[in-house]
Amino acid sequence: MVWILMQPDDSPASIPATKLLKEKGTNQFDATMDGPRILPVRFGSRACLDKEKWFHSFVGEGACGRWGIAQNRKFLWGTHFYWLCDCAAVKEILEYDGPITMIK
């Protein structure tokens, strides 16, 4: 499991991109080489536990996000933040209405 805590850079393009992300949920960061950027602040990783090795892919993504947020709780507490993923895992979890109890 890997997480990266990032924040917008100091460029003039990042101010309107941050506002757009907050108001409409549209992420424009790192879409082009000359546009608004987000920069890494902290990194973390760990191996999956034995039981986690058998998780479905989007359950594993959810577990990783929960663990990553917990690792950064002292930096995130009381602030507005976004969890950006490289797949639709969170959307799948939030919209899931099937029989698998772990996902519910």
PDB file of N, CA and C in Angstrom:
ATOM      1  N   MET A   1       0.852  -1.163   0.000  1.00  0.00           N
ATOM      2  CA  MET A   1       0.000   0.000   0.000  1.00  0.00           C
ATOM      3  C   MET A   1       0.900   1.229   0.000  1.00  0.00           C
ATOM      4  N   VAL A   2       0.529   2.212  -0.786  1.00  0.00           N
ATOM      5  CA  VAL A   2       1.329   3.425  -0.914  1.00  0.00           C
ATOM      6  C   VAL A   2       0.416   4.641  -0.872  1.00  0.00           C
ATOM      7  N   TRP A   3       0.852   5.704  -0.197  1.00  0.00           N
ATOM      8  CA  TRP A   3       0.138   6.983  -0.217  1.00  0.00           C
ATOM      9  C   TRP A   3       1.144   8.107  -0.430  1.00  0.00           C
ATOM     10  N   ILE A   4       0.670   9.192  -0.993  1.00  0.00           N
ATOM     11  CA  ILE A   4       1.471  10.410  -1.167  1.00  0.00           C
ATOM     12  C   ILE A   4       0.581  11.578  -0.769  1.00  0.00           C
ATOM     13  N   LEU A   5       1.010  12.357   0.204  1.00  0.00           N
ATOM     14  CA  LEU A   5       0.307  13.574   0.609  1.00  0.00           C
ATOM     15  C   LEU A   5       0.856  14.702  -0.247  1.00  0.00           C
ATOM     16  N   MET A   6      -0.027  15.404  -0.949  1.00  0.00           N
ATOM     17  CA  MET A   6       0.398  16.449  -1.881  1.00  0.00           C
ATOM     18  C   MET A   6      -0.372  17.731  -1.617  1.00  0.00           C
ATOM     19  N   GLN A   7       0.183  18.842  -2.098  1.00  0.00           N
ATOM     20  CA  GLN A   7      -0.494  20.133  -1.995  1.00  0.00           C
ATOM     21  C   GLN A   7      -0.221  20.939  -3.262  1.00  0.00           C
ATOM     22  N   PRO A   8      -1.094  21.910  -3.586  1.00  0.00           N
ATOM     23  CA  PRO A   8      -0.875  22.721  -4.787  1.00  0.00           C
ATOM     24  C   PRO A   8       0.441  23.494  -4.696  1.00  0.00           C
ATOM     25  N   ASP A   9       1.046  23.717  -5.856  1.00  0.00           N
ATOM     26  CA  ASP A   9       2.273  24.517  -5.885  1.00  0.00           C
ATOM     27  C   ASP A   9       1.922  26.009  -5.760  1.00  0.00           C
ATOM     28  N   ASP A  10       2.919  26.873  -5.848  1.00  0.00           N
ATOM     29  CA  ASP A  10       2.719  28.316  -5.665  1.00  0.00           C
ATOM     30  C   ASP A  10       2.458  29.060  -6.972  1.00  0.00           C
ATOM     31  N   SER A  11       2.227  28.360  -8.063  1.00  0.00           N
ATOM     32  CA  SER A  11       2.027  29.025  -9.350  1.00  0.00           C
ATOM     33  C   SER A  11       0.678  29.736  -9.399  1.00  0.00           C
ATOM     34  N   PRO A  12       0.578  30.777 -10.235  1.00  0.00           N
ATOM     35  CA  PRO A  12      -0.703  31.478 -10.376  1.00  0.00           C
ATOM     36  C   PRO A  12      -1.829  30.576 -10.914  1.00  0.00           C
ATOM     37  N   ALA A  13      -1.491  29.546 -11.661  1.00  0.00           N
ATOM     38  CA  ALA A  13      -2.499  28.638 -12.215  1.00  0.00           C
ATOM     39  C   ALA A  13      -3.140  27.760 -11.140  1.00  0.00           C
ATOM     40  N   SER A  14      -2.467  27.576 -10.021  1.00  0.00           N
ATOM     41  CA  SER A  14      -2.992  26.683  -8.975  1.00  0.00           C
ATOM     42  C   SER A  14      -4.141  27.292  -8.182  1.00  0.00           C
ATOM     43  N   ILE A  15      -4.197  28.605  -8.091  1.00  0.00           N
ATOM     44  CA  ILE A  15      -5.263  29.255  -7.318  1.00  0.00           C
ATOM     45  C   ILE A  15      -6.636  28.998  -7.937  1.00  0.00           C
ATOM     46  N   PRO A  16      -6.827  29.286  -9.252  1.00  0.00           N
ATOM     47  CA  PRO A  16      -8.146  28.982  -9.831  1.00  0.00           C
ATOM     48  C   PRO A  16      -8.429  27.479  -9.913  1.00  0.00           C
ATOM     49  N   ALA A  17      -7.384  26.655 -10.082  1.00  0.00           N
ATOM     50  CA  ALA A  17      -7.589  25.200 -10.133  1.00  0.00           C
ATOM     51  C   ALA A  17      -8.054  24.680  -8.777  1.00  0.00           C
ATOM     52  N   THR A  18      -7.514  25.220  -7.691  1.00  0.00           N
ATOM     53  CA  THR A  18      -7.943  24.826  -6.348  1.00  0.00           C
ATOM     54  C   THR A  18      -9.383  25.246  -6.112  1.00  0.00           C
ATOM     55  N   LYS A  19      -9.733  26.439  -6.553  1.00  0.00           N
ATOM     56  CA  LYS A  19     -11.104  26.939  -6.401  1.00  0.00           C
ATOM     57  C   LYS A  19     -12.086  26.066  -7.191  1.00  0.00           C
ATOM     58  N   LEU A  20     -11.724  25.691  -8.416  1.00  0.00           N
ATOM     59  CA  LEU A  20     -12.577  24.852  -9.249  1.00  0.00           C
ATOM     60  C   LEU A  20     -12.749  23.461  -8.624  1.00  0.00           C
ATOM     61  N   LEU A  21     -11.673  22.907  -8.080  1.00  0.00           N
ATOM     62  CA  LEU A  21     -11.757  21.602  -7.421  1.00  0.00           C
ATOM     63  C   LEU A  21     -12.685  21.663  -6.214  1.00  0.00           C
ATOM     64  N   LYS A  22     -12.588  22.732  -5.444  1.00  0.00           N
ATOM     65  CA  LYS A  22     -13.423  22.869  -4.250  1.00  0.00           C
ATOM     66  C   LYS A  22     -14.889  23.099  -4.597  1.00  0.00           C
ATOM     67  N   GLU A  23     -15.168  23.921  -5.611  1.00  0.00           N
ATOM     68  CA  GLU A  23     -16.544  24.279  -5.945  1.00  0.00           C
ATOM     69  C   GLU A  23     -17.269  23.236  -6.804  1.00  0.00           C
ATOM     70  N   LYS A  24     -16.557  22.644  -7.781  1.00  0.00           N
ATOM     71  CA  LYS A  24     -17.230  21.752  -8.727  1.00  0.00           C
ATOM     72  C   LYS A  24     -16.691  20.326  -8.727  1.00  0.00           C
ATOM     73  N   GLY A  25     -15.583  20.080  -8.023  1.00  0.00           N
ATOM     74  CA  GLY A  25     -15.009  18.742  -7.987  1.00  0.00           C
ATOM     75  C   GLY A  25     -14.225  18.362  -9.221  1.00  0.00           C
ATOM     76  N   THR A  26     -13.906  19.337 -10.068  1.00  0.00           N
ATOM     77  CA  THR A  26     -13.144  19.086 -11.288  1.00  0.00           C
ATOM     78  C   THR A  26     -11.660  19.248 -11.006  1.00  0.00           C
ATOM     79  N   ASN A  27     -10.895  18.200 -11.240  1.00  0.00           N
ATOM     80  CA  ASN A  27      -9.457  18.228 -10.977  1.00  0.00           C
ATOM     81  C   ASN A  27      -8.691  18.595 -12.236  1.00  0.00           C
ATOM     82  N   GLN A  28      -8.043  19.753 -12.238  1.00  0.00           N
ATOM     83  CA  GLN A  28      -7.235  20.199 -13.366  1.00  0.00           C
ATOM     84  C   GLN A  28      -5.738  20.090 -13.080  1.00  0.00           C
ATOM     85  N   PHE A  29      -5.374  19.616 -11.911  1.00  0.00           N
ATOM     86  CA  PHE A  29      -3.966  19.525 -11.556  1.00  0.00           C
ATOM     87  C   PHE A  29      -3.271  18.436 -12.364  1.00  0.00           C
ATOM     88  N   ASP A  30      -2.060  18.743 -12.805  1.00  0.00           N
ATOM     89  CA  ASP A  30      -1.188  17.806 -13.511  1.00  0.00           C
ATOM     90  C   ASP A  30      -1.814  17.243 -14.786  1.00  0.00           C
ATOM     91  N   ALA A  31      -2.774  17.954 -15.376  1.00  0.00           N
ATOM     92  CA  ALA A  31      -3.393  17.510 -16.627  1.00  0.00           C
ATOM     93  C   ALA A  31      -2.498  17.861 -17.826  1.00  0.00           C
ATOM     94  N   THR A  32      -1.743  18.936 -17.724  1.00  0.00           N
ATOM     95  CA  THR A  32      -0.818  19.347 -18.783  1.00  0.00           C
ATOM     96  C   THR A  32       0.531  19.692 -18.148  1.00  0.00           C
ATOM     97  N   MET A  33       1.555  19.743 -18.947  1.00  0.00           N
ATOM     98  CA  MET A  33       2.896  20.028 -18.424  1.00  0.00           C
ATOM     99  C   MET A  33       3.064  21.477 -17.972  1.00  0.00           C
ATOM    100  N   ASP A  34       2.246  22.390 -18.499  1.00  0.00           N
ATOM    101  CA  ASP A  34       2.412  23.802 -18.134  1.00  0.00           C
ATOM    102  C   ASP A  34       1.247  24.341 -17.299  1.00  0.00           C
ATOM    103  N   GLY A  35       0.381  23.471 -16.822  1.00  0.00           N
ATOM    104  CA  GLY A  35      -0.773  23.881 -16.025  1.00  0.00           C
ATOM    105  C   GLY A  35      -0.498  23.821 -14.527  1.00  0.00           C
ATOM    106  N   PRO A  36      -1.568  23.872 -13.728  1.00  0.00           N
ATOM    107  CA  PRO A  36      -1.411  23.812 -12.275  1.00  0.00           C
ATOM    108  C   PRO A  36      -0.843  22.466 -11.835  1.00  0.00           C
ATOM    109  N   ARG A  37      -0.014  22.511 -10.818  1.00  0.00           N
ATOM    110  CA  ARG A  37       0.671  21.303 -10.344  1.00  0.00           C
ATOM    111  C   ARG A  37       0.391  21.049  -8.873  1.00  0.00           C
ATOM    112  N   ILE A  38       0.443  19.787  -8.475  1.00  0.00           N
ATOM    113  CA  ILE A  38       0.453  19.444  -7.058  1.00  0.00           C
ATOM    114  C   ILE A  38       1.805  18.797  -6.761  1.00  0.00           C
ATOM    115  N   LEU A  39       2.347  19.152  -5.610  1.00  0.00           N
ATOM    116  CA  LEU A  39       3.684  18.704  -5.230  1.00  0.00           C
ATOM    117  C   LEU A  39       3.624  17.776  -4.025  1.00  0.00           C
ATOM    118  N   PRO A  40       4.478  16.749  -4.009  1.00  0.00           N
ATOM    119  CA  PRO A  40       4.494  15.837  -2.860  1.00  0.00           C
ATOM    120  C   PRO A  40       5.048  16.504  -1.608  1.00  0.00           C
ATOM    121  N   VAL A  41       4.441  16.180  -0.469  1.00  0.00           N
ATOM    122  CA  VAL A  41       4.868  16.701   0.823  1.00  0.00           C
ATOM    123  C   VAL A  41       5.389  15.558   1.704  1.00  0.00           C
ATOM    124  N   ARG A  42       4.653  14.426   1.703  1.00  0.00           N
ATOM    125  CA  ARG A  42       5.023  13.243   2.497  1.00  0.00           C
ATOM    126  C   ARG A  42       4.699  11.988   1.704  1.00  0.00           C
ATOM    127  N   PHE A  43       5.421  10.920   2.001  1.00  0.00           N
ATOM    128  CA  PHE A  43       5.213   9.629   1.358  1.00  0.00           C
ATOM    129  C   PHE A  43       5.116   8.539   2.419  1.00  0.00           C
ATOM    130  N   GLY A  44       4.450   7.447   2.088  1.00  0.00           N
ATOM    131  CA  GLY A  44       4.421   6.296   2.984  1.00  0.00           C
ATOM    132  C   GLY A  44       4.021   5.040   2.239  1.00  0.00           C
ATOM    133  N   SER A  45       4.460   3.902   2.750  1.00  0.00           N
ATOM    134  CA  SER A  45       4.084   2.623   2.150  1.00  0.00           C
ATOM    135  C   SER A  45       4.246   1.514   3.182  1.00  0.00           C
ATOM    136  N   ARG A  46       3.594   0.419   2.898  1.00  0.00           N
ATOM    137  CA  ARG A  46       3.750  -0.789   3.704  1.00  0.00           C
ATOM    138  C   ARG A  46       3.256  -1.976   2.903  1.00  0.00           C
ATOM    139  N   ALA A  47       3.681  -3.155   3.303  1.00  0.00           N
ATOM    140  CA  ALA A  47       3.197  -4.380   2.672  1.00  0.00           C
ATOM    141  C   ALA A  47       1.786  -4.682   3.177  1.00  0.00           C
ATOM    142  N   CYS A  48       1.010  -5.350   2.374  1.00  0.00           N
ATOM    143  CA  CYS A  48      -0.330  -5.763   2.792  1.00  0.00           C
ATOM    144  C   CYS A  48      -0.222  -6.829   3.876  1.00  0.00           C
ATOM    145  N   LEU A  49      -1.153  -6.795   4.800  1.00  0.00           N
ATOM    146  CA  LEU A  49      -1.260  -7.860   5.789  1.00  0.00           C
ATOM    147  C   LEU A  49      -1.744  -9.126   5.081  1.00  0.00           C
ATOM    148  N   ASP A  50      -1.587 -10.284   5.707  1.00  0.00           N
ATOM    149  CA  ASP A  50      -1.992 -11.541   5.066  1.00  0.00           C
ATOM    150  C   ASP A  50      -3.449 -11.516   4.614  1.00  0.00           C
ATOM    151  N   LYS A  51      -4.345 -11.016   5.470  1.00  0.00           N
ATOM    152  CA  LYS A  51      -5.764 -10.986   5.087  1.00  0.00           C
ATOM    153  C   LYS A  51      -6.034  -9.976   3.978  1.00  0.00           C
ATOM    154  N   GLU A  52      -5.240  -8.904   3.902  1.00  0.00           N
ATOM    155  CA  GLU A  52      -5.441  -7.872   2.878  1.00  0.00           C
ATOM    156  C   GLU A  52      -5.022  -8.345   1.489  1.00  0.00           C
ATOM    157  N   LYS A  53      -4.164  -9.327   1.410  1.00  0.00           N
ATOM    158  CA  LYS A  53      -3.708  -9.833   0.113  1.00  0.00           C
ATOM    159  C   LYS A  53      -4.844 -10.440  -0.697  1.00  0.00           C
ATOM    160  N   TRP A  54      -5.928 -10.812  -0.038  1.00  0.00           N
ATOM    161  CA  TRP A  54      -7.047 -11.457  -0.709  1.00  0.00           C
ATOM    162  C   TRP A  54      -8.217 -10.508  -0.967  1.00  0.00           C
ATOM    163  N   PHE A  55      -8.061  -9.230  -0.619  1.00  0.00           N
ATOM    164  CA  PHE A  55      -9.130  -8.256  -0.855  1.00  0.00           C
ATOM    165  C   PHE A  55      -9.370  -8.079  -2.347  1.00  0.00           C
ATOM    166  N   HIS A  56     -10.612  -7.798  -2.707  1.00  0.00           N
ATOM    167  CA  HIS A  56     -10.946  -7.389  -4.069  1.00  0.00           C
ATOM    168  C   HIS A  56     -10.204  -6.083  -4.346  1.00  0.00           C
ATOM    169  N   SER A  57      -9.914  -5.773  -5.594  1.00  0.00           N
ATOM    170  CA  SER A  57      -9.097  -4.607  -5.925  1.00  0.00           C
ATOM    171  C   SER A  57      -9.666  -3.304  -5.373  1.00  0.00           C
ATOM    172  N   PHE A  58     -10.977  -3.078  -5.504  1.00  0.00           N
ATOM    173  CA  PHE A  58     -11.482  -1.802  -5.011  1.00  0.00           C
ATOM    174  C   PHE A  58     -11.647  -1.780  -3.500  1.00  0.00           C
ATOM    175  N   VAL A  59     -11.768  -2.931  -2.860  1.00  0.00           N
ATOM    176  CA  VAL A  59     -11.753  -2.983  -1.397  1.00  0.00           C
ATOM    177  C   VAL A  59     -10.341  -2.662  -0.908  1.00  0.00           C
ATOM    178  N   GLY A  60      -9.334  -3.195  -1.598  1.00  0.00           N
ATOM    179  CA  GLY A  60      -7.943  -2.896  -1.258  1.00  0.00           C
ATOM    180  C   GLY A  60      -7.630  -1.424  -1.429  1.00  0.00           C
ATOM    181  N   GLU A  61      -8.159  -0.810  -2.475  1.00  0.00           N
ATOM    182  CA  GLU A  61      -7.956   0.628  -2.687  1.00  0.00           C
ATOM    183  C   GLU A  61      -8.597   1.422  -1.559  1.00  0.00           C
ATOM    184  N   GLY A  62      -9.775   1.020  -1.145  1.00  0.00           N
ATOM    185  CA  GLY A  62     -10.436   1.683  -0.018  1.00  0.00           C
ATOM    186  C   GLY A  62      -9.654   1.522   1.276  1.00  0.00           C
ATOM    187  N   ALA A  63      -9.141   0.309   1.521  1.00  0.00           N
ATOM    188  CA  ALA A  63      -8.345   0.054   2.723  1.00  0.00           C
ATOM    189  C   ALA A  63      -7.068   0.885   2.712  1.00  0.00           C
ATOM    190  N   CYS A  64      -6.455   1.003   1.561  1.00  0.00           N
ATOM    191  CA  CYS A  64      -5.239   1.806   1.439  1.00  0.00           C
ATOM    192  C   CYS A  64      -5.534   3.280   1.699  1.00  0.00           C
ATOM    193  N   GLY A  65      -6.625   3.779   1.159  1.00  0.00           N
ATOM    194  CA  GLY A  65      -7.003   5.177   1.385  1.00  0.00           C
ATOM    195  C   GLY A  65      -7.283   5.447   2.851  1.00  0.00           C
ATOM    196  N   ARG A  66      -7.999   4.543   3.484  1.00  0.00           N
ATOM    197  CA  ARG A  66      -8.296   4.696   4.911  1.00  0.00           C
ATOM    198  C   ARG A  66      -7.013   4.695   5.730  1.00  0.00           C
ATOM    199  N   TRP A  67      -6.096   3.803   5.404  1.00  0.00           N
ATOM    200  CA  TRP A  67      -4.817   3.730   6.112  1.00  0.00           C
ATOM    201  C   TRP A  67      -3.982   4.993   5.857  1.00  0.00           C
ATOM    202  N   GLY A  68      -3.931   5.451   4.598  1.00  0.00           N
ATOM    203  CA  GLY A  68      -3.167   6.648   4.269  1.00  0.00           C
ATOM    204  C   GLY A  68      -3.700   7.893   4.959  1.00  0.00           C
ATOM    205  N   ILE A  69      -5.010   8.026   5.023  1.00  0.00           N
ATOM    206  CA  ILE A  69      -5.619   9.168   5.713  1.00  0.00           C
ATOM    207  C   ILE A  69      -5.311   9.090   7.206  1.00  0.00           C
ATOM    208  N   ALA A  70      -5.379   7.892   7.768  1.00  0.00           N
ATOM    209  CA  ALA A  70      -5.061   7.728   9.197  1.00  0.00           C
ATOM    210  C   ALA A  70      -3.601   8.077   9.484  1.00  0.00           C
ATOM    211  N   GLN A  71      -2.704   7.749   8.560  1.00  0.00           N
ATOM    212  CA  GLN A  71      -1.287   8.066   8.741  1.00  0.00           C
ATOM    213  C   GLN A  71      -1.026   9.575   8.733  1.00  0.00           C
ATOM    214  N   ASN A  72      -1.913  10.328   8.108  1.00  0.00           N
ATOM    215  CA  ASN A  72      -1.738  11.784   7.983  1.00  0.00           C
ATOM    216  C   ASN A  72      -2.757  12.578   8.775  1.00  0.00           C
ATOM    217  N   ARG A  73      -3.425  11.937   9.737  1.00  0.00           N
ATOM    218  CA  ARG A  73      -4.514  12.598  10.461  1.00  0.00           C
ATOM    219  C   ARG A  73      -4.082  13.884  11.143  1.00  0.00           C
ATOM    220  N   LYS A  74      -2.861  13.965  11.648  1.00  0.00           N
ATOM    221  CA  LYS A  74      -2.446  15.200  12.323  1.00  0.00           C
ATOM    222  C   LYS A  74      -2.236  16.345  11.334  1.00  0.00           C
ATOM    223  N   PHE A  75      -2.017  16.039  10.059  1.00  0.00           N
ATOM    224  CA  PHE A  75      -1.875  17.079   9.043  1.00  0.00           C
ATOM    225  C   PHE A  75      -3.225  17.439   8.419  1.00  0.00           C
ATOM    226  N   LEU A  76      -4.175  16.501   8.420  1.00  0.00           N
ATOM    227  CA  LEU A  76      -5.467  16.692   7.763  1.00  0.00           C
ATOM    228  C   LEU A  76      -6.583  17.131   8.696  1.00  0.00           C
ATOM    229  N   TRP A  77      -6.402  16.949  10.001  1.00  0.00           N
ATOM    230  CA  TRP A  77      -7.456  17.240  10.971  1.00  0.00           C
ATOM    231  C   TRP A  77      -7.919  18.689  10.850  1.00  0.00           C
ATOM    232  N   GLY A  78      -9.203  18.890  10.643  1.00  0.00           N
ATOM    233  CA  GLY A  78      -9.784  20.226  10.575  1.00  0.00           C
ATOM    234  C   GLY A  78      -9.588  20.936   9.250  1.00  0.00           C
ATOM    235  N   THR A  79      -9.010  20.260   8.261  1.00  0.00           N
ATOM    236  CA  THR A  79      -8.808  20.886   6.956  1.00  0.00           C
ATOM    237  C   THR A  79      -9.661  20.173   5.904  1.00  0.00           C
ATOM    238  N   HIS A  80      -9.936  20.875   4.835  1.00  0.00           N
ATOM    239  CA  HIS A  80     -10.640  20.293   3.704  1.00  0.00           C
ATOM    240  C   HIS A  80      -9.592  19.618   2.829  1.00  0.00           C
ATOM    241  N   PHE A  81      -9.769  18.333   2.517  1.00  0.00           N
ATOM    242  CA  PHE A  81      -8.807  17.645   1.667  1.00  0.00           C
ATOM    243  C   PHE A  81      -9.533  16.736   0.689  1.00  0.00           C
ATOM    244  N   TYR A  82      -8.814  16.318  -0.341  1.00  0.00           N
ATOM    245  CA  TYR A  82      -9.354  15.433  -1.366  1.00  0.00           C
ATOM    246  C   TYR A  82      -8.547  14.157  -1.410  1.00  0.00           C
ATOM    247  N   TRP A  83      -9.232  13.066  -1.625  1.00  0.00           N
ATOM    248  CA  TRP A  83      -8.588  11.773  -1.812  1.00  0.00           C
ATOM    249  C   TRP A  83      -8.641  11.487  -3.306  1.00  0.00           C
ATOM    250  N   LEU A  84      -7.511  11.592  -3.989  1.00  0.00           N
ATOM    251  CA  LEU A  84      -7.442  11.357  -5.420  1.00  0.00           C
ATOM    252  C   LEU A  84      -6.887   9.964  -5.663  1.00  0.00           C
ATOM    253  N   CYS A  85      -7.603   9.177  -6.449  1.00  0.00           N
ATOM    254  CA  CYS A  85      -7.205   7.796  -6.742  1.00  0.00           C
ATOM    255  C   CYS A  85      -6.924   7.650  -8.226  1.00  0.00           C
ATOM    256  N   ASP A  86      -6.233   6.586  -8.566  1.00  0.00           N
ATOM    257  CA  ASP A  86      -5.925   6.334  -9.966  1.00  0.00           C
ATOM    258  C   ASP A  86      -6.958   5.426 -10.646  1.00  0.00           C
ATOM    259  N   CYS A  87      -8.030   5.138  -9.950  1.00  0.00           N
ATOM    260  CA  CYS A  87      -9.089   4.323 -10.548  1.00  0.00           C
ATOM    261  C   CYS A  87     -10.431   4.718  -9.922  1.00  0.00           C
ATOM    262  N   ALA A  88     -11.483   4.043 -10.320  1.00  0.00           N
ATOM    263  CA  ALA A  88     -12.822   4.386  -9.845  1.00  0.00           C
ATOM    264  C   ALA A  88     -13.206   3.594  -8.597  1.00  0.00           C
ATOM    265  N   ALA A  89     -12.227   3.198  -7.784  1.00  0.00           N
ATOM    266  CA  ALA A  89     -12.487   2.336  -6.631  1.00  0.00           C
ATOM    267  C   ALA A  89     -13.443   2.967  -5.625  1.00  0.00           C
ATOM    268  N   VAL A  90     -13.207   4.204  -5.279  1.00  0.00           N
ATOM    269  CA  VAL A  90     -14.043   4.856  -4.265  1.00  0.00           C
ATOM    270  C   VAL A  90     -15.474   4.989  -4.778  1.00  0.00           C
ATOM    271  N   LYS A  91     -15.620   5.331  -6.036  1.00  0.00           N
ATOM    272  CA  LYS A  91     -16.957   5.434  -6.631  1.00  0.00           C
ATOM    273  C   LYS A  91     -17.662   4.076  -6.590  1.00  0.00           C
ATOM    274  N   GLU A  92     -16.935   3.012  -6.895  1.00  0.00           N
ATOM    275  CA  GLU A  92     -17.511   1.660  -6.840  1.00  0.00           C
ATOM    276  C   GLU A  92     -17.968   1.323  -5.424  1.00  0.00           C
ATOM    277  N   ILE A  93     -17.162   1.661  -4.425  1.00  0.00           N
ATOM    278  CA  ILE A  93     -17.510   1.362  -3.039  1.00  0.00           C
ATOM    279  C   ILE A  93     -18.748   2.145  -2.618  1.00  0.00           C
ATOM    280  N   LEU A  94     -18.781   3.430  -2.947  1.00  0.00           N
ATOM    281  CA  LEU A  94     -19.902   4.269  -2.531  1.00  0.00           C
ATOM    282  C   LEU A  94     -21.208   3.902  -3.222  1.00  0.00           C
ATOM    283  N   GLU A  95     -21.131   3.366  -4.433  1.00  0.00           N
ATOM    284  CA  GLU A  95     -22.331   3.017  -5.183  1.00  0.00           C
ATOM    285  C   GLU A  95     -22.684   1.537  -5.086  1.00  0.00           C
ATOM    286  N   TYR A  96     -21.890   0.760  -4.369  1.00  0.00           N
ATOM    287  CA  TYR A  96     -22.093  -0.687  -4.291  1.00  0.00           C
ATOM    288  C   TYR A  96     -23.375  -1.030  -3.534  1.00  0.00           C
ATOM    289  N   ASP A  97     -24.163  -1.941  -4.101  1.00  0.00           N
ATOM    290  CA  ASP A  97     -25.386  -2.389  -3.456  1.00  0.00           C
ATOM    291  C   ASP A  97     -25.532  -3.909  -3.602  1.00  0.00           C
ATOM    292  N   GLY A  98     -24.394  -4.608  -3.619  1.00  0.00           N
ATOM    293  CA  GLY A  98     -24.412  -6.057  -3.794  1.00  0.00           C
ATOM    294  C   GLY A  98     -24.368  -6.803  -2.486  1.00  0.00           C
ATOM    295  N   PRO A  99     -24.129  -8.110  -2.543  1.00  0.00           N
ATOM    296  CA  PRO A  99     -24.223  -8.958  -1.372  1.00  0.00           C
ATOM    297  C   PRO A  99     -22.944  -9.066  -0.522  1.00  0.00           C
ATOM    298  N   ILE A 100     -21.821  -8.530  -0.972  1.00  0.00           N
ATOM    299  CA  ILE A 100     -20.556  -8.717  -0.255  1.00  0.00           C
ATOM    300  C   ILE A 100     -20.519  -7.786   0.962  1.00  0.00           C
ATOM    301  N   THR A 101     -20.561  -8.365   2.144  1.00  0.00           N
ATOM    302  CA  THR A 101     -20.646  -7.605   3.383  1.00  0.00           C
ATOM    303  C   THR A 101     -19.457  -6.673   3.595  1.00  0.00           C
ATOM    304  N   MET A 102     -18.255  -7.131   3.264  1.00  0.00           N
ATOM    305  CA  MET A 102     -17.050  -6.323   3.461  1.00  0.00           C
ATOM    306  C   MET A 102     -17.136  -4.992   2.698  1.00  0.00           C
ATOM    307  N   ILE A 103     -17.730  -5.023   1.536  1.00  0.00           N
ATOM    308  CA  ILE A 103     -17.829  -3.810   0.725  1.00  0.00           C
ATOM    309  C   ILE A 103     -18.964  -2.917   1.223  1.00  0.00           C
ATOM    310  N   LYS A 104     -20.046  -3.525   1.686  1.00  0.00           N
ATOM    311  CA  LYS A 104     -21.162  -2.744   2.227  1.00  0.00           C
ATOM    312  C   LYS A 104     -20.703  -1.967   3.427  1.00  0.00           C
TER     313      LYS A 104
END
